[in-house]
Amino acid sequence: MNLIIKNLEDIQKQIDDIELIMQEYLIQMGYSQYILSTKGMGSVTSASFLAEIGDILKYYDYKQLQKVDGLNIKETTFGMKKGKNQ
């Protein structure tokens, strides 16, 4: 049991170290003040977001980011039939 607890403590220490490194990279990129000011965005979520989208400056507006993230929400309407928001 002591061995399992020691392993869990070691793993938690590694996770904490990685999160510190992620925070340092966010600060170096220059986007951290904007992304981290968003409610619910911590360093792990922010780093994952930037890893997914790449350079944020290549997007002109939030709609382009929604498309990349798969959140391109729009209503589909055909003639007299009204569809659901996607």
C-alpha atoms as a PDB file:
ATOM      1  CA  MET A   1       0.000   0.000   0.000  1.00  0.00           C
ATOM      2  CA  ASN A   2       2.851   2.380   0.850  1.00  0.00           C
ATOM      3  CA  LEU A   3       4.399   1.709  -2.555  1.00  0.00           C
ATOM      4  CA  ILE A   4       1.155   2.623  -4.326  1.00  0.00           C
ATOM      5  CA  ILE A   5       0.851   5.855  -2.323  1.00  0.00           C
ATOM      6  CA  LYS A   6       4.486   6.732  -3.104  1.00  0.00           C
ATOM      7  CA  ASN A   7       3.884   6.102  -6.820  1.00  0.00           C
ATOM      8  CA  LEU A   8       0.782   8.298  -6.783  1.00  0.00           C
ATOM      9  CA  GLU A   9       2.704  11.076  -5.034  1.00  0.00           C
ATOM     10  CA  ASP A  10       5.481  10.826  -7.635  1.00  0.00           C
ATOM     11  CA  ILE A  11       2.977  10.970 -10.480  1.00  0.00           C
ATOM     12  CA  GLN A  12       1.253  14.007  -8.936  1.00  0.00           C
ATOM     13  CA  LYS A  13       4.645  15.732  -8.633  1.00  0.00           C
ATOM     14  CA  GLN A  14       5.305  15.054 -12.335  1.00  0.00           C
ATOM     15  CA  ILE A  15       1.887  16.450 -13.267  1.00  0.00           C
ATOM     16  CA  ASP A  16       2.537  19.588 -11.199  1.00  0.00           C
ATOM     17  CA  ASP A  17       5.938  20.050 -12.875  1.00  0.00           C
ATOM     18  CA  ILE A  18       4.403  19.687 -16.345  1.00  0.00           C
ATOM     19  CA  GLU A  19       1.680  22.205 -15.519  1.00  0.00           C
ATOM     20  CA  LEU A  20       4.338  24.717 -14.438  1.00  0.00           C
ATOM     21  CA  ILE A  21       6.167  24.217 -17.731  1.00  0.00           C
ATOM     22  CA  MET A  22       2.887  24.711 -19.617  1.00  0.00           C
ATOM     23  CA  GLN A  23       2.290  27.988 -17.762  1.00  0.00           C
ATOM     24  CA  GLU A  24       5.790  29.183 -18.656  1.00  0.00           C
ATOM     25  CA  TYR A  25       5.198  28.435 -22.345  1.00  0.00           C
ATOM     26  CA  LEU A  26       1.865  30.258 -22.257  1.00  0.00           C
ATOM     27  CA  ILE A  27       3.575  33.324 -20.830  1.00  0.00           C
ATOM     28  CA  GLN A  28       6.319  33.116 -23.474  1.00  0.00           C
ATOM     29  CA  MET A  29       3.732  32.944 -26.276  1.00  0.00           C
ATOM     30  CA  GLY A  30       2.173  36.210 -25.133  1.00  0.00           C
ATOM     31  CA  TYR A  31      -1.429  34.998 -25.232  1.00  0.00           C
ATOM     32  CA  SER A  32      -1.692  33.951 -21.609  1.00  0.00           C
ATOM     33  CA  GLN A  33      -3.189  37.180 -20.287  1.00  0.00           C
ATOM     34  CA  TYR A  34      -6.059  36.937 -22.772  1.00  0.00           C
ATOM     35  CA  ILE A  35      -6.762  33.239 -22.645  1.00  0.00           C
ATOM     36  CA  LEU A  36      -6.362  32.804 -18.900  1.00  0.00           C
ATOM     37  CA  SER A  37      -8.692  35.769 -18.279  1.00  0.00           C
ATOM     38  CA  THR A  38     -11.522  33.729 -19.806  1.00  0.00           C
ATOM     39  CA  LYS A  39     -13.709  32.144 -17.134  1.00  0.00           C
ATOM     40  CA  GLY A  40     -12.978  28.437 -16.779  1.00  0.00           C
ATOM     41  CA  MET A  41      -9.716  28.513 -18.739  1.00  0.00           C
ATOM     42  CA  GLY A  42      -6.792  27.221 -16.712  1.00  0.00           C
ATOM     43  CA  SER A  43      -3.282  26.596 -17.923  1.00  0.00           C
ATOM     44  CA  VAL A  44      -3.985  23.011 -19.024  1.00  0.00           C
ATOM     45  CA  THR A  45      -7.120  23.945 -20.979  1.00  0.00           C
ATOM     46  CA  SER A  46      -5.406  26.971 -22.509  1.00  0.00           C
ATOM     47  CA  ALA A  47      -2.367  24.971 -23.587  1.00  0.00           C
ATOM     48  CA  SER A  48      -4.611  22.278 -25.081  1.00  0.00           C
ATOM     49  CA  PHE A  49      -6.625  24.926 -26.920  1.00  0.00           C
ATOM     50  CA  LEU A  50      -3.525  26.540 -28.409  1.00  0.00           C
ATOM     51  CA  ALA A  51      -2.065  23.158 -29.306  1.00  0.00           C
ATOM     52  CA  GLU A  52      -5.258  22.368 -31.199  1.00  0.00           C
ATOM     53  CA  ILE A  53      -5.651  25.647 -33.106  1.00  0.00           C
ATOM     54  CA  GLY A  54      -2.027  26.654 -33.609  1.00  0.00           C
ATOM     55  CA  ASP A  55      -1.183  30.322 -34.083  1.00  0.00           C
ATOM     56  CA  ILE A  56      -4.203  32.335 -32.989  1.00  0.00           C
ATOM     57  CA  LEU A  57      -3.203  35.282 -35.208  1.00  0.00           C
ATOM     58  CA  LYS A  58      -4.139  33.361 -38.359  1.00  0.00           C
ATOM     59  CA  TYR A  59      -7.830  33.662 -37.447  1.00  0.00           C
ATOM     60  CA  TYR A  60      -9.713  36.841 -38.280  1.00  0.00           C
ATOM     61  CA  ASP A  61     -12.680  36.356 -35.953  1.00  0.00           C
ATOM     62  CA  TYR A  62     -14.279  34.000 -33.475  1.00  0.00           C
ATOM     63  CA  LYS A  63     -16.370  32.313 -36.175  1.00  0.00           C
ATOM     64  CA  GLN A  64     -13.254  30.801 -37.719  1.00  0.00           C
ATOM     65  CA  LEU A  65     -12.259  29.401 -34.333  1.00  0.00           C
ATOM     66  CA  GLN A  66     -15.728  27.922 -33.901  1.00  0.00           C
ATOM     67  CA  LYS A  67     -15.354  26.096 -37.202  1.00  0.00           C
ATOM     68  CA  VAL A  68     -11.987  24.659 -36.206  1.00  0.00           C
ATOM     69  CA  ASP A  69     -13.439  23.519 -32.906  1.00  0.00           C
ATOM     70  CA  GLY A  70     -16.479  22.001 -34.598  1.00  0.00           C
ATOM     71  CA  LEU A  71     -18.832  24.509 -33.010  1.00  0.00           C
ATOM     72  CA  ASN A  72     -20.120  26.019 -36.231  1.00  0.00           C
ATOM     73  CA  ILE A  73     -23.662  26.412 -34.920  1.00  0.00           C
ATOM     74  CA  LYS A  74     -26.227  27.359 -37.518  1.00  0.00           C
ATOM     75  CA  GLU A  75     -29.823  26.724 -38.348  1.00  0.00           C
ATOM     76  CA  THR A  76     -30.651  24.664 -41.400  1.00  0.00           C
ATOM     77  CA  THR A  77     -33.764  25.660 -43.267  1.00  0.00           C
ATOM     78  CA  PHE A  78     -35.065  24.186 -46.526  1.00  0.00           C
ATOM     79  CA  GLY A  79     -38.126  25.761 -48.061  1.00  0.00           C
ATOM     80  CA  MET A  80     -41.027  25.299 -45.660  1.00  0.00           C
ATOM     81  CA  LYS A  81     -39.143  22.939 -43.335  1.00  0.00           C
ATOM     82  CA  LYS A  82     -37.199  24.391 -40.483  1.00  0.00           C
ATOM     83  CA  GLY A  83     -34.314  22.315 -39.170  1.00  0.00           C
ATOM     84  CA  LYS A  84     -32.574  22.168 -35.847  1.00  0.00           C
ATOM     85  CA  ASN A  85     -29.550  24.183 -34.837  1.00  0.00           C
ATOM     86  CA  GLN A  86     -26.415  22.209 -35.512  1.00  0.00           C
END
